[in-house]
PDB file of N, CA and C in Angstrom:
ATOM      1  N   MET A   1      83.142 121.503 110.915  1.00  0.00           N
ATOM      2  CA  MET A   1      84.349 121.738 110.144  1.00  0.00           C
ATOM      3  C   MET A   1      85.465 122.232 111.046  1.00  0.00           C
ATOM      4  N   GLY A   2      85.177 123.162 111.975  1.00  0.00           N
ATOM      5  CA  GLY A   2      86.182 123.686 112.873  1.00  0.00           C
ATOM      6  C   GLY A   2      86.789 122.593 113.738  1.00  0.00           C
ATOM      7  N   GLU A   3      85.954 121.644 114.170  1.00  0.00           N
ATOM      8  CA  GLU A   3      86.463 120.537 114.988  1.00  0.00           C
ATOM      9  C   GLU A   3      87.409 119.663 114.181  1.00  0.00           C
ATOM     10  N   ASP A   4      87.104 119.436 112.925  1.00  0.00           N
ATOM     11  CA  ASP A   4      87.962 118.623 112.068  1.00  0.00           C
ATOM     12  C   ASP A   4      89.347 119.243 111.943  1.00  0.00           C
ATOM     13  N   LEU A   5      89.392 120.555 111.752  1.00  0.00           N
ATOM     14  CA  LEU A   5      90.677 121.238 111.633  1.00  0.00           C
ATOM     15  C   LEU A   5      91.454 121.144 112.933  1.00  0.00           C
ATOM     16  N   GLY A   6      90.759 121.235 114.058  1.00  0.00           N
ATOM     17  CA  GLY A   6      91.423 121.107 115.353  1.00  0.00           C
ATOM     18  C   GLY A   6      92.008 119.714 115.541  1.00  0.00           C
ATOM     19  N   LEU A   7      91.270 118.681 115.141  1.00  0.00           N
ATOM     20  CA  LEU A   7      91.778 117.311 115.238  1.00  0.00           C
ATOM     21  C   LEU A   7      92.995 117.119 114.360  1.00  0.00           C
ATOM     22  N   LEU A   8      92.975 117.685 113.160  1.00  0.00           N
ATOM     23  CA  LEU A   8      94.127 117.592 112.275  1.00  0.00           C
ATOM     24  C   LEU A   8      95.336 118.263 112.911  1.00  0.00           C
ATOM     25  N   ALA A   9      95.129 119.417 113.506  1.00  0.00           N
ATOM     26  CA  ALA A   9      96.237 120.129 114.134  1.00  0.00           C
ATOM     27  C   ALA A   9      96.803 119.321 115.300  1.00  0.00           C
ATOM     28  N   LEU A  10      95.925 118.673 116.062  1.00  0.00           N
ATOM     29  CA  LEU A  10      96.396 117.847 117.176  1.00  0.00           C
ATOM     30  C   LEU A  10      97.217 116.671 116.690  1.00  0.00           C
ATOM     31  N   ASN A  11      96.883 116.145 115.534  1.00  0.00           N
ATOM     32  CA  ASN A  11      97.610 115.006 114.973  1.00  0.00           C
ATOM     33  C   ASN A  11      98.863 115.435 114.224  1.00  0.00           C
ATOM     34  N   GLY A  12      99.155 116.706 114.201  1.00  0.00           N
ATOM     35  CA  GLY A  12     100.352 117.182 113.514  1.00  0.00           C
ATOM     36  C   GLY A  12     100.194 117.303 112.017  1.00  0.00           C
ATOM     37  N   GLN A  13      98.971 117.229 111.532  1.00  0.00           N
ATOM     38  CA  GLN A  13      98.734 117.335 110.097  1.00  0.00           C
ATOM     39  C   GLN A  13      98.334 118.765 109.761  1.00  0.00           C
ATOM     40  N   LYS A  14      98.660 119.195 108.565  1.00  0.00           N
ATOM     41  CA  LYS A  14      98.298 120.524 108.116  1.00  0.00           C
ATOM     42  C   LYS A  14      96.949 120.451 107.411  1.00  0.00           C
ATOM     43  N   PRO A  15      95.983 121.242 107.839  1.00  0.00           N
ATOM     44  CA  PRO A  15      94.705 121.251 107.124  1.00  0.00           C
ATOM     45  C   PRO A  15      94.910 121.841 105.740  1.00  0.00           C
ATOM     46  N   GLN A  16      94.234 121.272 104.770  1.00  0.00           N
ATOM     47  CA  GLN A  16      94.372 121.752 103.394  1.00  0.00           C
ATOM     48  C   GLN A  16      93.032 122.272 102.913  1.00  0.00           C
ATOM     49  N   THR A  17      93.055 123.431 102.313  1.00  0.00           N
ATOM     50  CA  THR A  17      91.873 123.984 101.701  1.00  0.00           C
ATOM     51  C   THR A  17      92.146 124.102 100.214  1.00  0.00           C
ATOM     52  N   MET A  18      91.121 124.372  99.457  1.00  0.00           N
ATOM     53  CA  MET A  18      91.273 124.425  98.003  1.00  0.00           C
ATOM     54  C   MET A  18      92.295 125.477  97.572  1.00  0.00           C
ATOM     55  N   ASP A  19      92.381 126.603  98.289  1.00  0.00           N
ATOM     56  CA  ASP A  19      93.303 127.649  97.870  1.00  0.00           C
ATOM     57  C   ASP A  19      94.719 127.455  98.407  1.00  0.00           C
ATOM     58  N   THR A  20      94.909 126.529  99.351  1.00  0.00           N
ATOM     59  CA  THR A  20      96.249 126.301  99.914  1.00  0.00           C
ATOM     60  C   THR A  20      96.647 124.836  99.832  1.00  0.00           C
ATOM     61  N   MET A  21      96.246 124.167  98.756  1.00  0.00           N
ATOM     62  CA  MET A  21      96.597 122.751  98.604  1.00  0.00           C
ATOM     63  C   MET A  21      98.110 122.601  98.551  1.00  0.00           C
ATOM     64  N   GLU A  22      98.621 121.688  99.344  1.00  0.00           N
ATOM     65  CA  GLU A  22     100.046 121.403  99.335  1.00  0.00           C
ATOM     66  C   GLU A  22     100.267 120.042  98.704  1.00  0.00           C
ATOM     67  N   THR A  23     101.382 119.899  98.061  1.00  0.00           N
ATOM     68  CA  THR A  23     101.710 118.603  97.486  1.00  0.00           C
ATOM     69  C   THR A  23     102.784 117.946  98.331  1.00  0.00           C
ATOM     70  N   ASP A  24     102.766 116.642  98.366  1.00  0.00           N
ATOM     71  CA  ASP A  24     103.756 115.880  99.110  1.00  0.00           C
ATOM     72  C   ASP A  24     104.786 115.290  98.164  1.00  0.00           C
ATOM     73  N   VAL A  25     105.178 116.040  97.153  1.00  0.00           N
ATOM     74  CA  VAL A  25     106.153 115.553  96.192  1.00  0.00           C
ATOM     75  C   VAL A  25     107.526 115.533  96.860  1.00  0.00           C
ATOM     76  N   MET A  26     108.160 114.399  96.775  1.00  0.00           N
ATOM     77  CA  MET A  26     109.465 114.212  97.382  1.00  0.00           C
ATOM     78  C   MET A  26     110.516 115.004  96.614  1.00  0.00           C
ATOM     79  N   THR A  27     111.355 115.717  97.358  1.00  0.00           N
ATOM     80  CA  THR A  27     112.443 116.460  96.723  1.00  0.00           C
ATOM     81  C   THR A  27     113.602 115.509  96.425  1.00  0.00           C
ATOM     82  N   GLY A  28     114.525 115.972  95.620  1.00  0.00           N
ATOM     83  CA  GLY A  28     115.701 115.167  95.304  1.00  0.00           C
ATOM     84  C   GLY A  28     116.512 114.839  96.543  1.00  0.00           C
ATOM     85  N   GLN A  29     116.630 115.803  97.459  1.00  0.00           N
ATOM     86  CA  GLN A  29     117.387 115.576  98.697  1.00  0.00           C
ATOM     87  C   GLN A  29     116.702 114.539  99.578  1.00  0.00           C
ATOM     88  N   GLU A  30     115.372 114.620  99.700  1.00  0.00           N
ATOM     89  CA  GLU A  30     114.627 113.636 100.498  1.00  0.00           C
ATOM     90  C   GLU A  30     114.763 112.239  99.885  1.00  0.00           C
ATOM     91  N   PHE A  31     114.724 112.188  98.564  1.00  0.00           N
ATOM     92  CA  PHE A  31     114.885 110.914  97.873  1.00  0.00           C
ATOM     93  C   PHE A  31     116.257 110.319  98.174  1.00  0.00           C
ATOM     94  N   LYS A  32     117.290 111.136  98.074  1.00  0.00           N
ATOM     95  CA  LYS A  32     118.654 110.677  98.335  1.00  0.00           C
ATOM     96  C   LYS A  32     118.794 110.162  99.766  1.00  0.00           C
ATOM     97  N   GLN A  33     118.211 110.853 100.718  1.00  0.00           N
ATOM     98  CA  GLN A  33     118.269 110.418 102.112  1.00  0.00           C
ATOM     99  C   GLN A  33     117.560 109.083 102.302  1.00  0.00           C
ATOM    100  N   MET A  34     116.411 108.910 101.638  1.00  0.00           N
ATOM    101  CA  MET A  34     115.686 107.653 101.756  1.00  0.00           C
ATOM    102  C   MET A  34     116.473 106.511 101.121  1.00  0.00           C
ATOM    103  N   VAL A  35     117.106 106.771  99.988  1.00  0.00           N
ATOM    104  CA  VAL A  35     117.930 105.749  99.331  1.00  0.00           C
ATOM    105  C   VAL A  35     119.037 105.293 100.272  1.00  0.00           C
ATOM    106  N   GLU A  36     119.738 106.238 100.863  1.00  0.00           N
ATOM    107  CA  GLU A  36     120.841 105.899 101.767  1.00  0.00           C
ATOM    108  C   GLU A  36     120.349 105.119 102.984  1.00  0.00           C
ATOM    109  N   ARG A  37     119.193 105.513 103.515  1.00  0.00           N
ATOM    110  CA  ARG A  37     118.655 104.861 104.705  1.00  0.00           C
ATOM    111  C   ARG A  37     118.134 103.451 104.424  1.00  0.00           C
ATOM    112  N   MET A  38     117.507 103.261 103.266  1.00  0.00           N
ATOM    113  CA  MET A  38     116.827 101.989 102.998  1.00  0.00           C
ATOM    114  C   MET A  38     117.633 101.000 102.173  1.00  0.00           C
ATOM    115  N   ARG A  39     118.704 101.439 101.539  1.00  0.00           N
ATOM    116  CA  ARG A  39     119.478 100.560 100.658  1.00  0.00           C
ATOM    117  C   ARG A  39     119.900  99.249 101.320  1.00  0.00           C
ATOM    118  N   PRO A  40     120.429  99.264 102.554  1.00  0.00           N
ATOM    119  CA  PRO A  40     120.820  97.983 103.170  1.00  0.00           C
ATOM    120  C   PRO A  40     119.657  96.993 103.309  1.00  0.00           C
ATOM    121  N   ARG A  41     118.473  97.479 103.671  1.00  0.00           N
ATOM    122  CA  ARG A  41     117.308  96.587 103.798  1.00  0.00           C
ATOM    123  C   ARG A  41     116.904  96.007 102.453  1.00  0.00           C
ATOM    124  N   LEU A  42     116.946  96.838 101.417  1.00  0.00           N
ATOM    125  CA  LEU A  42     116.579  96.360 100.083  1.00  0.00           C
ATOM    126  C   LEU A  42     117.598  95.357  99.557  1.00  0.00           C
ATOM    127  N   MET A  43     118.875  95.620  99.799  1.00  0.00           N
ATOM    128  CA  MET A  43     119.915  94.673  99.378  1.00  0.00           C
ATOM    129  C   MET A  43     119.729  93.334 100.084  1.00  0.00           C
ATOM    130  N   GLN A  44     119.424  93.380 101.375  1.00  0.00           N
ATOM    131  CA  GLN A  44     119.206  92.145 102.126  1.00  0.00           C
ATOM    132  C   GLN A  44     118.031  91.358 101.550  1.00  0.00           C
ATOM    133  N   MET A  45     116.949  92.063 101.230  1.00  0.00           N
ATOM    134  CA  MET A  45     115.787  91.398 100.637  1.00  0.00           C
ATOM    135  C   MET A  45     116.173  90.738  99.313  1.00  0.00           C
ATOM    136  N   GLY A  46     116.909  91.447  98.477  1.00  0.00           N
ATOM    137  CA  GLY A  46     117.329  90.902  97.186  1.00  0.00           C
ATOM    138  C   GLY A  46     118.255  89.710  97.337  1.00  0.00           C
ATOM    139  N   ARG A  47     119.188  89.796  98.293  1.00  0.00           N
ATOM    140  CA  ARG A  47     120.102  88.662  98.523  1.00  0.00           C
ATOM    141  C   ARG A  47     119.353  87.439  99.026  1.00  0.00           C
ATOM    142  N   GLU A  48     118.380  87.644  99.914  1.00  0.00           N
ATOM    143  CA  GLU A  48     117.597  86.517 100.422  1.00  0.00           C
ATOM    144  C   GLU A  48     116.762  85.887  99.316  1.00  0.00           C
ATOM    145  N   PHE A  49     116.231  86.707  98.431  1.00  0.00           N
ATOM    146  CA  PHE A  49     115.378  86.187  97.360  1.00  0.00           C
ATOM    147  C   PHE A  49     116.189  85.469  96.291  1.00  0.00           C
ATOM    148  N   PHE A  50     117.300  86.069  95.863  1.00  0.00           N
ATOM    149  CA  PHE A  50     118.069  85.536  94.746  1.00  0.00           C
ATOM    150  C   PHE A  50     119.320  84.772  95.150  1.00  0.00           C
ATOM    151  N   GLY A  51     119.868  85.070  96.324  1.00  0.00           N
ATOM    152  CA  GLY A  51     121.132  84.452  96.717  1.00  0.00           C
ATOM    153  C   GLY A  51     122.310  84.994  95.931  1.00  0.00           C
ATOM    154  N   SER A  52     122.141  86.173  95.360  1.00  0.00           N
ATOM    155  CA  SER A  52     123.166  86.754  94.503  1.00  0.00           C
ATOM    156  C   SER A  52     123.256  88.255  94.755  1.00  0.00           C
ATOM    157  N   GLU A  53     124.465  88.731  94.938  1.00  0.00           N
ATOM    158  CA  GLU A  53     124.694  90.160  95.151  1.00  0.00           C
ATOM    159  C   GLU A  53     124.323  90.958  93.894  1.00  0.00           C
ATOM    160  N   MET A  54     124.647  90.429  92.742  1.00  0.00           N
ATOM    161  CA  MET A  54     124.379  91.118  91.489  1.00  0.00           C
ATOM    162  C   MET A  54     122.864  91.259  91.246  1.00  0.00           C
ATOM    163  N   GLU A  55     122.130  90.192  91.455  1.00  0.00           N
ATOM    164  CA  GLU A  55     120.676  90.247  91.267  1.00  0.00           C
ATOM    165  C   GLU A  55     120.029  91.153  92.308  1.00  0.00           C
ATOM    166  N   ALA A  56     120.555  91.138  93.533  1.00  0.00           N
ATOM    167  CA  ALA A  56     120.035  92.028  94.571  1.00  0.00           C
ATOM    168  C   ALA A  56     120.220  93.478  94.164  1.00  0.00           C
ATOM    169  N   GLU A  57     121.372  93.792  93.612  1.00  0.00           N
ATOM    170  CA  GLU A  57     121.641  95.158  93.164  1.00  0.00           C
ATOM    171  C   GLU A  57     120.674  95.564  92.056  1.00  0.00           C
ATOM    172  N   GLU A  58     120.342  94.652  91.156  1.00  0.00           N
ATOM    173  CA  GLU A  58     119.374  94.955  90.097  1.00  0.00           C
ATOM    174  C   GLU A  58     118.000  95.260  90.673  1.00  0.00           C
ATOM    175  N   VAL A  59     117.596  94.491  91.692  1.00  0.00           N
ATOM    176  CA  VAL A  59     116.302  94.736  92.331  1.00  0.00           C
ATOM    177  C   VAL A  59     116.303  96.113  92.993  1.00  0.00           C
ATOM    178  N   VAL A  60     117.384  96.464  93.657  1.00  0.00           N
ATOM    179  CA  VAL A  60     117.478  97.761  94.313  1.00  0.00           C
ATOM    180  C   VAL A  60     117.386  98.884  93.289  1.00  0.00           C
ATOM    181  N   GLN A  61     118.115  98.760  92.198  1.00  0.00           N
ATOM    182  CA  GLN A  61     118.088  99.796  91.163  1.00  0.00           C
ATOM    183  C   GLN A  61     116.701  99.919  90.534  1.00  0.00           C
ATOM    184  N   GLU A  62     116.074  98.798  90.238  1.00  0.00           N
ATOM    185  CA  GLU A  62     114.729  98.809  89.655  1.00  0.00           C
ATOM    186  C   GLU A  62     113.735  99.433  90.636  1.00  0.00           C
ATOM    187  N   THR A  63     113.878  99.112  91.909  1.00  0.00           N
ATOM    188  CA  THR A  63     112.989  99.668  92.927  1.00  0.00           C
ATOM    189  C   THR A  63     113.083 101.189  92.950  1.00  0.00           C
ATOM    190  N   TRP A  64     114.306 101.715  93.006  1.00  0.00           N
ATOM    191  CA  TRP A  64     114.459 103.165  93.098  1.00  0.00           C
ATOM    192  C   TRP A  64     114.001 103.866  91.826  1.00  0.00           C
ATOM    193  N   LEU A  65     114.174 103.233  90.697  1.00  0.00           N
ATOM    194  CA  LEU A  65     113.668 103.809  89.457  1.00  0.00           C
ATOM    195  C   LEU A  65     112.148 103.934  89.513  1.00  0.00           C
ATOM    196  N   ARG A  66     111.493 102.880  89.969  1.00  0.00           N
ATOM    197  CA  ARG A  66     110.028 102.902  90.058  1.00  0.00           C
ATOM    198  C   ARG A  66     109.544 103.905  91.106  1.00  0.00           C
ATOM    199  N   VAL A  67     110.240 103.984  92.242  1.00  0.00           N
ATOM    200  CA  VAL A  67     109.871 104.950  93.278  1.00  0.00           C
ATOM    201  C   VAL A  67     109.987 106.372  92.726  1.00  0.00           C
ATOM    202  N   TRP A  68     111.090 106.649  92.034  1.00  0.00           N
ATOM    203  CA  TRP A  68     111.290 107.984  91.474  1.00  0.00           C
ATOM    204  C   TRP A  68     110.164 108.330  90.508  1.00  0.00           C
ATOM    205  N   ASN A  69     109.718 107.358  89.728  1.00  0.00           N
ATOM    206  CA  ASN A  69     108.673 107.603  88.733  1.00  0.00           C
ATOM    207  C   ASN A  69     107.300 107.820  89.340  1.00  0.00           C
ATOM    208  N   VAL A  70     107.032 107.311  90.540  1.00  0.00           N
ATOM    209  CA  VAL A  70     105.708 107.480  91.158  1.00  0.00           C
ATOM    210  C   VAL A  70     105.683 108.588  92.207  1.00  0.00           C
ATOM    211  N   ARG A  71     106.783 109.267  92.429  1.00  0.00           N
ATOM    212  CA  ARG A  71     106.853 110.237  93.520  1.00  0.00           C
ATOM    213  C   ARG A  71     105.865 111.391  93.357  1.00  0.00           C
ATOM    214  N   HIS A  72     105.402 111.680  92.137  1.00  0.00           N
ATOM    215  CA  HIS A  72     104.433 112.754  91.922  1.00  0.00           C
ATOM    216  C   HIS A  72     102.999 112.294  92.159  1.00  0.00           C
ATOM    217  N   SER A  73     102.755 111.005  92.057  1.00  0.00           N
ATOM    218  CA  SER A  73     101.380 110.522  92.167  1.00  0.00           C
ATOM    219  C   SER A  73     101.105 109.769  93.461  1.00  0.00           C
ATOM    220  N   ALA A  74     102.117 109.537  94.285  1.00  0.00           N
ATOM    221  CA  ALA A  74     101.917 108.811  95.543  1.00  0.00           C
ATOM    222  C   ALA A  74     102.822 109.407  96.611  1.00  0.00           C
ATOM    223  N   THR A  75     102.385 109.296  97.851  1.00  0.00           N
ATOM    224  CA  THR A  75     103.237 109.688  98.960  1.00  0.00           C
ATOM    225  C   THR A  75     104.237 108.570  99.180  1.00  0.00           C
ATOM    226  N   VAL A  76     105.495 108.883  99.061  1.00  0.00           N
ATOM    227  CA  VAL A  76     106.542 107.865  99.157  1.00  0.00           C
ATOM    228  C   VAL A  76     106.849 107.600 100.629  1.00  0.00           C
ATOM    229  N   THR A  77     106.563 106.380 101.048  1.00  0.00           N
ATOM    230  CA  THR A  77     106.857 105.941 102.404  1.00  0.00           C
ATOM    231  C   THR A  77     107.747 104.706 102.329  1.00  0.00           C
ATOM    232  N   GLU A  78     108.308 104.330 103.468  1.00  0.00           N
ATOM    233  CA  GLU A  78     109.125 103.119 103.488  1.00  0.00           C
ATOM    234  C   GLU A  78     108.291 101.904 103.118  1.00  0.00           C
ATOM    235  N   ALA A  79     107.037 101.879 103.542  1.00  0.00           N
ATOM    236  CA  ALA A  79     106.159 100.753 103.211  1.00  0.00           C
ATOM    237  C   ALA A  79     105.957 100.645 101.697  1.00  0.00           C
ATOM    238  N   LEU A  80     105.778 101.781 101.034  1.00  0.00           N
ATOM    239  CA  LEU A  80     105.614 101.770  99.576  1.00  0.00           C
ATOM    240  C   LEU A  80     106.879 101.262  98.897  1.00  0.00           C
ATOM    241  N   VAL A  81     108.036 101.719  99.372  1.00  0.00           N
ATOM    242  CA  VAL A  81     109.311 101.287  98.784  1.00  0.00           C
ATOM    243  C   VAL A  81     109.471  99.779  98.934  1.00  0.00           C
ATOM    244  N   MET A  82     109.165  99.242 100.109  1.00  0.00           N
ATOM    245  CA  MET A  82     109.299  97.801 100.332  1.00  0.00           C
ATOM    246  C   MET A  82     108.326  97.012  99.453  1.00  0.00           C
ATOM    247  N   ARG A  83     107.123  97.537  99.268  1.00  0.00           N
ATOM    248  CA  ARG A  83     106.155  96.849  98.407  1.00  0.00           C
ATOM    249  C   ARG A  83     106.645  96.831  96.971  1.00  0.00           C
ATOM    250  N   ILE A  84     107.161  97.942  96.494  1.00  0.00           N
ATOM    251  CA  ILE A  84     107.694  98.003  95.136  1.00  0.00           C
ATOM    252  C   ILE A  84     108.840  97.016  94.986  1.00  0.00           C
ATOM    253  N   ALA A  85     109.722  96.942  95.978  1.00  0.00           N
ATOM    254  CA  ALA A  85     110.852  96.003  95.924  1.00  0.00           C
ATOM    255  C   ALA A  85     110.352  94.562  95.895  1.00  0.00           C
ATOM    256  N   ARG A  86     109.364  94.240  96.724  1.00  0.00           N
ATOM    257  CA  ARG A  86     108.815  92.870  96.725  1.00  0.00           C
ATOM    258  C   ARG A  86     108.210  92.538  95.367  1.00  0.00           C
ATOM    259  N   ASN A  87     107.604  93.524  94.724  1.00  0.00           N
ATOM    260  CA  ASN A  87     107.036  93.293  93.394  1.00  0.00           C
ATOM    261  C   ASN A  87     108.123  93.144  92.336  1.00  0.00           C
ATOM    262  N   CYS A  88     109.261  93.760  92.539  1.00  0.00           N
ATOM    263  CA  CYS A  88     110.363  93.657  91.576  1.00  0.00           C
ATOM    264  C   CYS A  88     111.051  92.296  91.648  1.00  0.00           C
ATOM    265  N   CYS A  89     111.061  91.656  92.810  1.00  0.00           N
ATOM    266  CA  CYS A  89     111.764  90.376  92.961  1.00  0.00           C
ATOM    267  C   CYS A  89     111.234  89.291  92.021  1.00  0.00           C
ATOM    268  N   PRO A  90     109.942  89.027  91.994  1.00  0.00           N
ATOM    269  CA  PRO A  90     109.464  87.991  91.063  1.00  0.00           C
ATOM    270  C   PRO A  90     109.713  88.335  89.605  1.00  0.00           C
ATOM    271  N   ARG A  91     109.617  89.616  89.261  1.00  0.00           N
ATOM    272  CA  ARG A  91     109.904  90.023  87.880  1.00  0.00           C
ATOM    273  C   ARG A  91     111.353  89.717  87.528  1.00  0.00           C
ATOM    274  N   GLY A  92     112.242  90.017  88.455  1.00  0.00           N
ATOM    275  CA  GLY A  92     113.658  89.727  88.234  1.00  0.00           C
ATOM    276  C   GLY A  92     113.914  88.243  88.134  1.00  0.00           C
ATOM    277  N   TYR A  93     113.209  87.466  88.923  1.00  0.00           N
ATOM    278  CA  TYR A  93     113.365  86.008  88.893  1.00  0.00           C
ATOM    279  C   TYR A  93     112.912  85.453  87.554  1.00  0.00           C
ATOM    280  N   ARG A  94     111.777  85.932  87.061  1.00  0.00           N
ATOM    281  CA  ARG A  94     111.284  85.482  85.751  1.00  0.00           C
ATOM    282  C   ARG A  94     112.264  85.878  84.641  1.00  0.00           C
ATOM    283  N   ARG A  95     112.782  87.103  84.734  1.00  0.00           N
ATOM    284  CA  ARG A  95     113.742  87.577  83.733  1.00  0.00           C
ATOM    285  C   ARG A  95     115.005  86.718  83.771  1.00  0.00           C
ATOM    286  N   MET A  96     115.463  86.395  84.977  1.00  0.00           N
ATOM    287  CA  MET A  96     116.663  85.584  85.141  1.00  0.00           C
ATOM    288  C   MET A  96     116.432  84.162  84.625  1.00  0.00           C
ATOM    289  N   SER A  97     115.239  83.622  84.862  1.00  0.00           N
ATOM    290  CA  SER A  97     114.919  82.253  84.437  1.00  0.00           C
ATOM    291  C   SER A  97     114.781  82.154  82.923  1.00  0.00           C
ATOM    292  N   ALA A  98     114.394  83.236  82.283  1.00  0.00           N
ATOM    293  CA  ALA A  98     114.179  83.219  80.837  1.00  0.00           C
ATOM    294  C   ALA A  98     115.493  83.277  80.066  1.00  0.00           C
ATOM    295  N   GLN A  99     116.580  83.677  80.716  1.00  0.00           N
ATOM    296  CA  GLN A  99     117.861  83.778  80.026  1.00  0.00           C
ATOM    297  C   GLN A  99     118.455  82.387  79.813  1.00  0.00           C
ATOM    298  N   PRO A 100     119.012  82.139  78.613  1.00  0.00           N
ATOM    299  CA  PRO A 100     119.586  80.815  78.321  1.00  0.00           C
ATOM    300  C   PRO A 100     120.863  80.555  79.072  1.00  0.00           C
TER     301      PRO A 100
END
């Protein structure tokens, strides 16, 4: 057990015990910083998928809504955000195709 804690410390991770469990819940400020940092990439993905600025903006908004809703149950990383955005694109396409 002592060796495991030492390895965690070397990797920059905080060891967690039952009495000192920490949560990785994203704060509002961290969320805002991630939105600002990742928005251009998400917009580009939406524009490439739909060819429309308006549809790209909808994908970005839907992505951030979903990220905000899962922030308590998952560690929010850029990879997770991109996966959520990729999952939103086909949904948006189906929604767009269903409109008369």
